[in-house]
Amino acid sequence: MMEPNPSHLEAPVLAEPTIRFRTEQVYVARRESITMTDFARVADHLPTMFGWLGERGVTPVGAPFLRYRVIDMSAELVVEAGIPLAAPIEVDPPAFVDVLPAGRYASVTHIGHPDELMGVTAALLDWGQRQGIAWDVTPTPEGEVWGARLEVLLTNPVEEPDQHKWETTLLFRLADQP
């Protein structure tokens, strides 16, 4: 078991975010309504989904991701564990196929422990506010509903067990311009 690192409590350094256009992307996913205490349950779906795809000869076309659909940090979050695909496929529930929307996304990549991602997210949102960016998000009584807010998991934990070296890209969709 890894010892906790007190540096998780420090604000991570944010690399310079960029804004880029992404085309729409088909993906297969599993969705969970969770609290922050059972968050790991969502990512636990990824190995099973990769195995299922491999058994069917389906090759992912990108890194797996977590998609935050609805965020209410004090109650529940609706989060998807997704894998990008070249084209739609047939799946059985609870898996489903969906499409990430095309559009402009703010992007920043972080190398470090996953516990630091809350700080990186806060820094990215703060950066966006200073830039006058309007996010693709709608406040609702259930929480903030995001068009696309992704954590793209670029490091395979089997190949790199040291979580302090994990690379993650945050991609937050910007609101469509009028």
C-alpha atoms as a PDB file:
ATOM      1  CA  MET A   1       0.000   0.000   0.000  1.00  0.00           C
ATOM      2  CA  MET A   2       1.288   3.469  -0.888  1.00  0.00           C
ATOM      3  CA  GLU A   3       1.827   5.924   1.936  1.00  0.00           C
ATOM      4  CA  PRO A   4      -0.217   9.128   1.708  1.00  0.00           C
ATOM      5  CA  ASN A   5       1.702  12.061   0.334  1.00  0.00           C
ATOM      6  CA  PRO A   6       1.135  15.381   2.134  1.00  0.00           C
ATOM      7  CA  SER A   7       1.790  17.168  -1.178  1.00  0.00           C
ATOM      8  CA  HIS A   8      -1.785  16.184  -2.172  1.00  0.00           C
ATOM      9  CA  LEU A   9      -2.925  18.972   0.104  1.00  0.00           C
ATOM     10  CA  GLU A  10      -0.892  21.576  -1.757  1.00  0.00           C
ATOM     11  CA  ALA A  11      -2.341  23.313  -4.796  1.00  0.00           C
ATOM     12  CA  PRO A  12      -0.914  21.635  -7.904  1.00  0.00           C
ATOM     13  CA  VAL A  13       0.855  23.736 -10.489  1.00  0.00           C
ATOM     14  CA  LEU A  14      -1.389  24.215 -13.521  1.00  0.00           C
ATOM     15  CA  ALA A  15       0.247  23.936 -16.929  1.00  0.00           C
ATOM     16  CA  GLU A  16      -0.922  26.568 -19.407  1.00  0.00           C
ATOM     17  CA  PRO A  17      -4.379  25.488 -20.648  1.00  0.00           C
ATOM     18  CA  THR A  18      -5.162  25.560 -24.350  1.00  0.00           C
ATOM     19  CA  ILE A  19      -8.402  25.786 -26.269  1.00  0.00           C
ATOM     20  CA  ARG A  20      -8.882  23.349 -29.098  1.00  0.00           C
ATOM     21  CA  PHE A  21     -11.644  22.093 -31.341  1.00  0.00           C
ATOM     22  CA  ARG A  22     -12.669  18.459 -31.056  1.00  0.00           C
ATOM     23  CA  THR A  23     -14.881  16.586 -33.477  1.00  0.00           C
ATOM     24  CA  GLU A  24     -17.683  14.469 -32.101  1.00  0.00           C
ATOM     25  CA  GLN A  25     -16.541  11.132 -30.681  1.00  0.00           C
ATOM     26  CA  VAL A  26     -18.496   7.877 -30.353  1.00  0.00           C
ATOM     27  CA  TYR A  27     -17.871   6.023 -27.097  1.00  0.00           C
ATOM     28  CA  VAL A  28     -19.081   3.101 -25.012  1.00  0.00           C
ATOM     29  CA  ALA A  29     -19.658   3.692 -21.306  1.00  0.00           C
ATOM     30  CA  ARG A  30     -21.161   2.716 -17.988  1.00  0.00           C
ATOM     31  CA  ARG A  31     -22.840   5.387 -15.853  1.00  0.00           C
ATOM     32  CA  GLU A  32     -22.996   5.598 -12.068  1.00  0.00           C
ATOM     33  CA  SER A  33     -24.657   7.953  -9.599  1.00  0.00           C
ATOM     34  CA  ILE A  34     -22.150   8.193  -6.777  1.00  0.00           C
ATOM     35  CA  THR A  35     -20.973  10.241  -3.845  1.00  0.00           C
ATOM     36  CA  MET A  36     -17.368  11.304  -3.426  1.00  0.00           C
ATOM     37  CA  THR A  37     -16.851   8.472  -0.930  1.00  0.00           C
ATOM     38  CA  ASP A  38     -17.523   5.750  -3.521  1.00  0.00           C
ATOM     39  CA  PHE A  39     -15.958   7.518  -6.486  1.00  0.00           C
ATOM     40  CA  ALA A  40     -13.502   4.712  -7.372  1.00  0.00           C
ATOM     41  CA  ARG A  41     -16.447   2.473  -8.290  1.00  0.00           C
ATOM     42  CA  VAL A  42     -16.837   4.282 -11.634  1.00  0.00           C
ATOM     43  CA  ALA A  43     -13.266   3.759 -12.864  1.00  0.00           C
ATOM     44  CA  ASP A  44     -13.487   0.100 -11.806  1.00  0.00           C
ATOM     45  CA  HIS A  45     -15.718  -0.469 -14.875  1.00  0.00           C
ATOM     46  CA  LEU A  46     -12.903   0.307 -17.335  1.00  0.00           C
ATOM     47  CA  PRO A  47     -10.941  -2.996 -17.150  1.00  0.00           C
ATOM     48  CA  THR A  48     -14.158  -5.005 -17.619  1.00  0.00           C
ATOM     49  CA  MET A  49     -15.186  -2.844 -20.581  1.00  0.00           C
ATOM     50  CA  PHE A  50     -11.742  -3.174 -22.216  1.00  0.00           C
ATOM     51  CA  GLY A  51     -11.963  -6.957 -21.810  1.00  0.00           C
ATOM     52  CA  TRP A  52     -15.471  -7.035 -23.274  1.00  0.00           C
ATOM     53  CA  LEU A  53     -14.359  -4.970 -26.282  1.00  0.00           C
ATOM     54  CA  GLY A  54     -11.289  -7.166 -26.799  1.00  0.00           C
ATOM     55  CA  GLU A  55     -13.418 -10.330 -26.797  1.00  0.00           C
ATOM     56  CA  ARG A  56     -15.432  -8.828 -29.655  1.00  0.00           C
ATOM     57  CA  GLY A  57     -12.425  -7.621 -31.620  1.00  0.00           C
ATOM     58  CA  VAL A  58     -13.269  -3.948 -31.047  1.00  0.00           C
ATOM     59  CA  THR A  59     -10.227  -1.704 -30.696  1.00  0.00           C
ATOM     60  CA  PRO A  60     -10.590   1.584 -28.800  1.00  0.00           C
ATOM     61  CA  VAL A  61      -9.441   4.665 -30.735  1.00  0.00           C
ATOM     62  CA  GLY A  62      -8.256   6.684 -27.760  1.00  0.00           C
ATOM     63  CA  ALA A  63      -7.620   6.776 -24.052  1.00  0.00           C
ATOM     64  CA  PRO A  64     -10.374   5.944 -21.553  1.00  0.00           C
ATOM     65  CA  PHE A  65     -12.029   8.784 -19.720  1.00  0.00           C
ATOM     66  CA  LEU A  66     -14.381   9.756 -16.949  1.00  0.00           C
ATOM     67  CA  ARG A  67     -17.223  12.011 -18.079  1.00  0.00           C
ATOM     68  CA  TYR A  68     -18.880  14.103 -15.402  1.00  0.00           C
ATOM     69  CA  ARG A  69     -22.515  14.569 -16.438  1.00  0.00           C
ATOM     70  CA  VAL A  70     -24.050  16.040 -13.268  1.00  0.00           C
ATOM     71  CA  ILE A  71     -22.033  17.467 -10.402  1.00  0.00           C
ATOM     72  CA  ASP A  72     -23.339  18.172  -6.923  1.00  0.00           C
ATOM     73  CA  MET A  73     -20.294  17.756  -4.676  1.00  0.00           C
ATOM     74  CA  SER A  74     -22.426  17.785  -1.513  1.00  0.00           C
ATOM     75  CA  ALA A  75     -24.780  15.056  -2.739  1.00  0.00           C
ATOM     76  CA  GLU A  76     -24.342  12.920  -5.867  1.00  0.00           C
ATOM     77  CA  LEU A  77     -22.390  13.003  -9.065  1.00  0.00           C
ATOM     78  CA  VAL A  78     -23.418  11.280 -12.282  1.00  0.00           C
ATOM     79  CA  VAL A  79     -20.197  10.004 -13.841  1.00  0.00           C
ATOM     80  CA  GLU A  80     -19.499   7.785 -16.853  1.00  0.00           C
ATOM     81  CA  ALA A  81     -16.493   5.543 -17.459  1.00  0.00           C
ATOM     82  CA  GLY A  82     -16.024   5.748 -21.227  1.00  0.00           C
ATOM     83  CA  ILE A  83     -13.865   4.340 -24.001  1.00  0.00           C
ATOM     84  CA  PRO A  84     -13.679   6.034 -27.437  1.00  0.00           C
ATOM     85  CA  LEU A  85     -14.680   3.959 -30.479  1.00  0.00           C
ATOM     86  CA  ALA A  86     -14.376   4.374 -34.244  1.00  0.00           C
ATOM     87  CA  ALA A  87     -18.084   3.627 -34.761  1.00  0.00           C
ATOM     88  CA  PRO A  88     -21.159   2.681 -32.748  1.00  0.00           C
ATOM     89  CA  ILE A  89     -21.510  -0.957 -31.650  1.00  0.00           C
ATOM     90  CA  GLU A  90     -24.320  -2.961 -30.078  1.00  0.00           C
ATOM     91  CA  VAL A  91     -24.053  -3.342 -26.316  1.00  0.00           C
ATOM     92  CA  ASP A  92     -26.212  -4.739 -23.551  1.00  0.00           C
ATOM     93  CA  PRO A  93     -27.318  -2.621 -20.597  1.00  0.00           C
ATOM     94  CA  PRO A  94     -25.997  -1.271 -18.326  1.00  0.00           C
ATOM     95  CA  ALA A  95     -23.389  -0.341 -20.976  1.00  0.00           C
ATOM     96  CA  PHE A  96     -24.479   2.146 -23.629  1.00  0.00           C
ATOM     97  CA  VAL A  97     -23.079   3.933 -26.673  1.00  0.00           C
ATOM     98  CA  ASP A  98     -23.186   7.725 -26.902  1.00  0.00           C
ATOM     99  CA  VAL A  99     -21.402  10.596 -28.662  1.00  0.00           C
ATOM    100  CA  LEU A 100     -19.243  13.304 -27.100  1.00  0.00           C
ATOM    101  CA  PRO A 101     -20.248  16.611 -28.684  1.00  0.00           C
ATOM    102  CA  ALA A 102     -18.029  18.460 -31.138  1.00  0.00           C
ATOM    103  CA  GLY A 103     -16.928  21.906 -30.111  1.00  0.00           C
ATOM    104  CA  ARG A 104     -14.279  24.001 -28.449  1.00  0.00           C
ATOM    105  CA  TYR A 105     -12.705  22.510 -25.329  1.00  0.00           C
ATOM    106  CA  ALA A 106     -10.356  23.953 -22.730  1.00  0.00           C
ATOM    107  CA  SER A 107      -7.597  21.426 -22.185  1.00  0.00           C
ATOM    108  CA  VAL A 108      -4.818  20.982 -19.647  1.00  0.00           C
ATOM    109  CA  THR A 109      -2.644  17.959 -18.904  1.00  0.00           C
ATOM    110  CA  HIS A 110      -1.483  17.116 -15.392  1.00  0.00           C
ATOM    111  CA  ILE A 111       1.162  14.642 -14.303  1.00  0.00           C
ATOM    112  CA  GLY A 112       0.691  13.662 -10.687  1.00  0.00           C
ATOM    113  CA  HIS A 113      -1.439  11.803  -8.178  1.00  0.00           C
ATOM    114  CA  PRO A 114      -5.178  11.550  -8.976  1.00  0.00           C
ATOM    115  CA  ASP A 115      -5.940  13.212  -5.626  1.00  0.00           C
ATOM    116  CA  GLU A 116      -4.499  16.414  -7.111  1.00  0.00           C
ATOM    117  CA  LEU A 117      -7.124  16.551  -9.876  1.00  0.00           C
ATOM    118  CA  MET A 118      -9.656  18.442  -7.737  1.00  0.00           C
ATOM    119  CA  GLY A 119      -7.081  21.226  -7.363  1.00  0.00           C
ATOM    120  CA  VAL A 120      -6.223  21.103 -11.070  1.00  0.00           C
ATOM    121  CA  THR A 121      -9.933  21.303 -11.900  1.00  0.00           C
ATOM    122  CA  ALA A 122     -10.383  24.318  -9.608  1.00  0.00           C
ATOM    123  CA  ALA A 123      -7.362  26.003 -11.217  1.00  0.00           C
ATOM    124  CA  LEU A 124      -8.715  25.328 -14.735  1.00  0.00           C
ATOM    125  CA  LEU A 125     -12.129  26.746 -13.810  1.00  0.00           C
ATOM    126  CA  ASP A 126     -10.442  29.792 -12.262  1.00  0.00           C
ATOM    127  CA  TRP A 127      -8.314  30.246 -15.407  1.00  0.00           C
ATOM    128  CA  GLY A 128     -11.481  30.074 -17.519  1.00  0.00           C
ATOM    129  CA  GLN A 129     -13.175  32.709 -15.376  1.00  0.00           C
ATOM    130  CA  ARG A 130     -10.186  35.053 -15.783  1.00  0.00           C
ATOM    131  CA  GLN A 131     -10.362  34.478 -19.571  1.00  0.00           C
ATOM    132  CA  GLY A 132     -14.098  35.205 -19.642  1.00  0.00           C
ATOM    133  CA  ILE A 133     -14.875  31.673 -20.813  1.00  0.00           C
ATOM    134  CA  ALA A 134     -18.448  30.432 -20.761  1.00  0.00           C
ATOM    135  CA  TRP A 135     -18.550  26.693 -20.042  1.00  0.00           C
ATOM    136  CA  ASP A 136     -21.091  24.266 -21.515  1.00  0.00           C
ATOM    137  CA  VAL A 137     -22.828  23.853 -18.167  1.00  0.00           C
ATOM    138  CA  THR A 138     -26.383  24.394 -16.938  1.00  0.00           C
ATOM    139  CA  PRO A 139     -27.245  24.784 -13.238  1.00  0.00           C
ATOM    140  CA  THR A 140     -30.201  22.613 -12.178  1.00  0.00           C
ATOM    141  CA  PRO A 141     -31.673  21.617  -8.796  1.00  0.00           C
ATOM    142  CA  GLU A 142     -29.870  18.247  -9.174  1.00  0.00           C
ATOM    143  CA  GLY A 143     -26.494  19.946  -9.741  1.00  0.00           C
ATOM    144  CA  GLU A 144     -24.463  21.327 -12.612  1.00  0.00           C
ATOM    145  CA  VAL A 145     -25.246  19.512 -15.868  1.00  0.00           C
ATOM    146  CA  TRP A 146     -22.180  19.540 -18.145  1.00  0.00           C
ATOM    147  CA  GLY A 147     -22.234  19.083 -21.920  1.00  0.00           C
ATOM    148  CA  ALA A 148     -18.790  17.470 -21.731  1.00  0.00           C
ATOM    149  CA  ARG A 149     -16.398  17.557 -18.797  1.00  0.00           C
ATOM    150  CA  LEU A 150     -13.773  14.848 -19.133  1.00  0.00           C
ATOM    151  CA  GLU A 151     -10.795  13.396 -17.301  1.00  0.00           C
ATOM    152  CA  VAL A 152      -8.850  11.504 -19.984  1.00  0.00           C
ATOM    153  CA  LEU A 153      -6.719   8.814 -18.337  1.00  0.00           C
ATOM    154  CA  LEU A 154      -3.481   8.703 -20.344  1.00  0.00           C
ATOM    155  CA  THR A 155      -1.515   6.383 -18.036  1.00  0.00           C
ATOM    156  CA  ASN A 156      -2.156   2.652 -17.805  1.00  0.00           C
ATOM    157  CA  PRO A 157      -1.992   1.832 -14.061  1.00  0.00           C
ATOM    158  CA  VAL A 158      -0.727  -1.688 -14.845  1.00  0.00           C
ATOM    159  CA  GLU A 159       2.263  -0.254 -16.733  1.00  0.00           C
ATOM    160  CA  GLU A 160       2.901   2.589 -14.254  1.00  0.00           C
ATOM    161  CA  PRO A 161       1.856   1.729 -10.683  1.00  0.00           C
ATOM    162  CA  ASP A 162       3.343   4.952  -9.222  1.00  0.00           C
ATOM    163  CA  GLN A 163       0.276   7.210  -9.075  1.00  0.00           C
ATOM    164  CA  HIS A 164       2.507  10.297  -8.740  1.00  0.00           C
ATOM    165  CA  LYS A 165       3.533   9.748 -12.386  1.00  0.00           C
ATOM    166  CA  TRP A 166       0.028   9.362 -13.817  1.00  0.00           C
ATOM    167  CA  GLU A 167      -0.864  11.656 -16.718  1.00  0.00           C
ATOM    168  CA  THR A 168      -4.413  12.960 -17.040  1.00  0.00           C
ATOM    169  CA  THR A 169      -5.857  15.495 -19.461  1.00  0.00           C
ATOM    170  CA  LEU A 170      -8.864  17.554 -18.437  1.00  0.00           C
ATOM    171  CA  LEU A 171     -11.148  18.570 -21.316  1.00  0.00           C
ATOM    172  CA  PHE A 172     -14.048  20.911 -20.526  1.00  0.00           C
ATOM    173  CA  ARG A 173     -16.388  21.898 -23.372  1.00  0.00           C
ATOM    174  CA  LEU A 174     -16.992  25.612 -23.862  1.00  0.00           C
ATOM    175  CA  ALA A 175     -20.473  26.986 -24.511  1.00  0.00           C
ATOM    176  CA  ASP A 176     -21.348  27.459 -28.151  1.00  0.00           C
ATOM    177  CA  GLN A 177     -20.683  30.975 -29.349  1.00  0.00           C
ATOM    178  CA  PRO A 178     -23.730  32.999 -30.441  1.00  0.00           C
END
